[in-house]
């Protein structure tokens, strides 16, 4: 049960990091 609950959180973190990187690249 824990792994199923943690997976969506890690996916959200990954997408958040990708979005932050994209915004930084857009600024530069």
PDB file of N, CA and C in Angstrom:
ATOM      1  N   UNK A   1       0.837  -1.211   0.000  1.00  0.00           N
ATOM      2  CA  UNK A   1       0.000   0.000   0.000  1.00  0.00           C
ATOM      3  C   UNK A   1       0.873   1.264   0.000  1.00  0.00           C
ATOM      4  N   UNK A   2       1.949   1.215   0.769  1.00  0.00           N
ATOM      5  CA  UNK A   2       2.817   2.397   0.866  1.00  0.00           C
ATOM      6  C   UNK A   2       3.417   2.762  -0.490  1.00  0.00           C
ATOM      7  N   UNK A   3       3.916   1.754  -1.205  1.00  0.00           N
ATOM      8  CA  UNK A   3       4.540   2.021  -2.505  1.00  0.00           C
ATOM      9  C   UNK A   3       3.540   2.656  -3.470  1.00  0.00           C
ATOM     10  N   UNK A   4       2.300   2.173  -3.454  1.00  0.00           N
ATOM     11  CA  UNK A   4       1.259   2.714  -4.345  1.00  0.00           C
ATOM     12  C   UNK A   4       0.984   4.180  -3.993  1.00  0.00           C
ATOM     13  N   UNK A   5       1.074   4.511  -2.695  1.00  0.00           N
ATOM     14  CA  UNK A   5       0.797   5.883  -2.257  1.00  0.00           C
ATOM     15  C   UNK A   5       1.986   6.800  -2.545  1.00  0.00           C
ATOM     16  N   UNK A   6       3.193   6.236  -2.475  1.00  0.00           N
ATOM     17  CA  UNK A   6       4.405   7.041  -2.691  1.00  0.00           C
ATOM     18  C   UNK A   6       4.632   7.328  -4.173  1.00  0.00           C
ATOM     19  N   UNK A   7       4.309   6.365  -5.031  1.00  0.00           N
ATOM     20  CA  UNK A   7       4.560   6.517  -6.471  1.00  0.00           C
ATOM     21  C   UNK A   7       3.983   7.819  -7.048  1.00  0.00           C
ATOM     22  N   UNK A   8       2.706   8.136  -6.853  1.00  0.00           N
ATOM     23  CA  UNK A   8       2.162   9.388  -7.397  1.00  0.00           C
ATOM     24  C   UNK A   8       2.904  10.617  -6.884  1.00  0.00           C
ATOM     25  N   UNK A   9       3.384  10.576  -5.656  1.00  0.00           N
ATOM     26  CA  UNK A   9       4.111  11.719  -5.090  1.00  0.00           C
ATOM     27  C   UNK A   9       5.447  11.895  -5.803  1.00  0.00           C
ATOM     28  N   UNK A  10       6.154  10.800  -6.042  1.00  0.00           N
ATOM     29  CA  UNK A  10       7.437  10.886  -6.734  1.00  0.00           C
ATOM     30  C   UNK A  10       7.230  11.356  -8.170  1.00  0.00           C
ATOM     31  N   UNK A  11       6.159  10.896  -8.806  1.00  0.00           N
ATOM     32  CA  UNK A  11       5.850  11.328 -10.180  1.00  0.00           C
ATOM     33  C   UNK A  11       5.584  12.835 -10.190  1.00  0.00           C
ATOM     34  N   UNK A  12       4.835  13.327  -9.200  1.00  0.00           N
ATOM     35  CA  UNK A  12       4.546  14.764  -9.109  1.00  0.00           C
ATOM     36  C   UNK A  12       5.839  15.540  -8.925  1.00  0.00           C
ATOM     37  N   UNK A  13       6.738  15.034  -8.086  1.00  0.00           N
ATOM     38  CA  UNK A  13       8.021  15.715  -7.848  1.00  0.00           C
ATOM     39  C   UNK A  13       8.825  15.777  -9.131  1.00  0.00           C
ATOM     40  N   UNK A  14       8.850  14.670  -9.882  1.00  0.00           N
ATOM     41  CA  UNK A  14       9.596  14.632 -11.142  1.00  0.00           C
ATOM     42  C   UNK A  14       9.039  15.661 -12.118  1.00  0.00           C
ATOM     43  N   UNK A  15       7.713  15.706 -12.253  1.00  0.00           N
ATOM     44  CA  UNK A  15       7.100  16.660 -13.182  1.00  0.00           C
ATOM     45  C   UNK A  15       7.344  18.095 -12.727  1.00  0.00           C
ATOM     46  N   UNK A  16       7.353  18.307 -11.398  1.00  0.00           N
ATOM     47  CA  UNK A  16       7.601  19.651 -10.858  1.00  0.00           C
ATOM     48  C   UNK A  16       9.019  20.093 -11.197  1.00  0.00           C
ATOM     49  N   UNK A  17       9.976  19.159 -11.081  1.00  0.00           N
ATOM     50  CA  UNK A  17      11.369  19.478 -11.405  1.00  0.00           C
ATOM     51  C   UNK A  17      11.510  19.751 -12.899  1.00  0.00           C
ATOM     52  N   UNK A  18      10.845  18.939 -13.732  1.00  0.00           N
ATOM     53  CA  UNK A  18      10.901  19.124 -15.191  1.00  0.00           C
ATOM     54  C   UNK A  18      10.300  20.483 -15.563  1.00  0.00           C
ATOM     55  N   UNK A  19       9.190  20.854 -14.923  1.00  0.00           N
ATOM     56  CA  UNK A  19       8.533  22.131 -15.196  1.00  0.00           C
ATOM     57  C   UNK A  19       9.440  23.287 -14.786  1.00  0.00           C
ATOM     58  N   UNK A  20      10.104  23.153 -13.630  1.00  0.00           N
ATOM     59  CA  UNK A  20      11.014  24.196 -13.147  1.00  0.00           C
ATOM     60  C   UNK A  20      12.188  24.342 -14.111  1.00  0.00           C
ATOM     61  N   UNK A  21      12.721  23.223 -14.591  1.00  0.00           N
ATOM     62  CA  UNK A  21      13.833  23.258 -15.544  1.00  0.00           C
ATOM     63  C   UNK A  21      13.400  23.929 -16.839  1.00  0.00           C
ATOM     64  N   UNK A  22      12.202  23.626 -17.308  1.00  0.00           N
ATOM     65  CA  UNK A  22      11.689  24.219 -18.542  1.00  0.00           C
ATOM     66  C   UNK A  22      11.540  25.726 -18.410  1.00  0.00           C
ATOM     67  N   UNK A  23      11.062  26.177 -17.253  1.00  0.00           N
ATOM     68  CA  UNK A  23      10.904  27.614 -17.025  1.00  0.00           C
ATOM     69  C   UNK A  23      12.262  28.304 -17.004  1.00  0.00           C
ATOM     70  N   UNK A  24      13.255  27.642 -16.383  1.00  0.00           N
ATOM     71  CA  UNK A  24      14.604  28.212 -16.322  1.00  0.00           C
ATOM     72  C   UNK A  24      15.197  28.306 -17.719  1.00  0.00           C
ATOM     73  N   UNK A  25      14.992  27.267 -18.532  1.00  0.00           N
ATOM     74  CA  UNK A  25      15.509  27.268 -19.902  1.00  0.00           C
ATOM     75  C   UNK A  25      14.830  28.368 -20.717  1.00  0.00           C
ATOM     76  N   UNK A  26      13.544  28.581 -20.484  1.00  0.00           N
ATOM     77  CA  UNK A  26      12.806  29.616 -21.200  1.00  0.00           C
ATOM     78  C   UNK A  26      13.335  31.006 -20.873  1.00  0.00           C
ATOM     79  N   UNK A  27      13.740  31.212 -19.623  1.00  0.00           N
ATOM     80  CA  UNK A  27      14.288  32.513 -19.217  1.00  0.00           C
ATOM     81  C   UNK A  27      15.621  32.772 -19.893  1.00  0.00           C
ATOM     82  N   UNK A  28      16.449  31.712 -19.991  1.00  0.00           N
ATOM     83  CA  UNK A  28      17.783  31.848 -20.598  1.00  0.00           C
ATOM     84  C   UNK A  28      17.621  31.804 -22.116  1.00  0.00           C
TER      85      UNK A  28
END
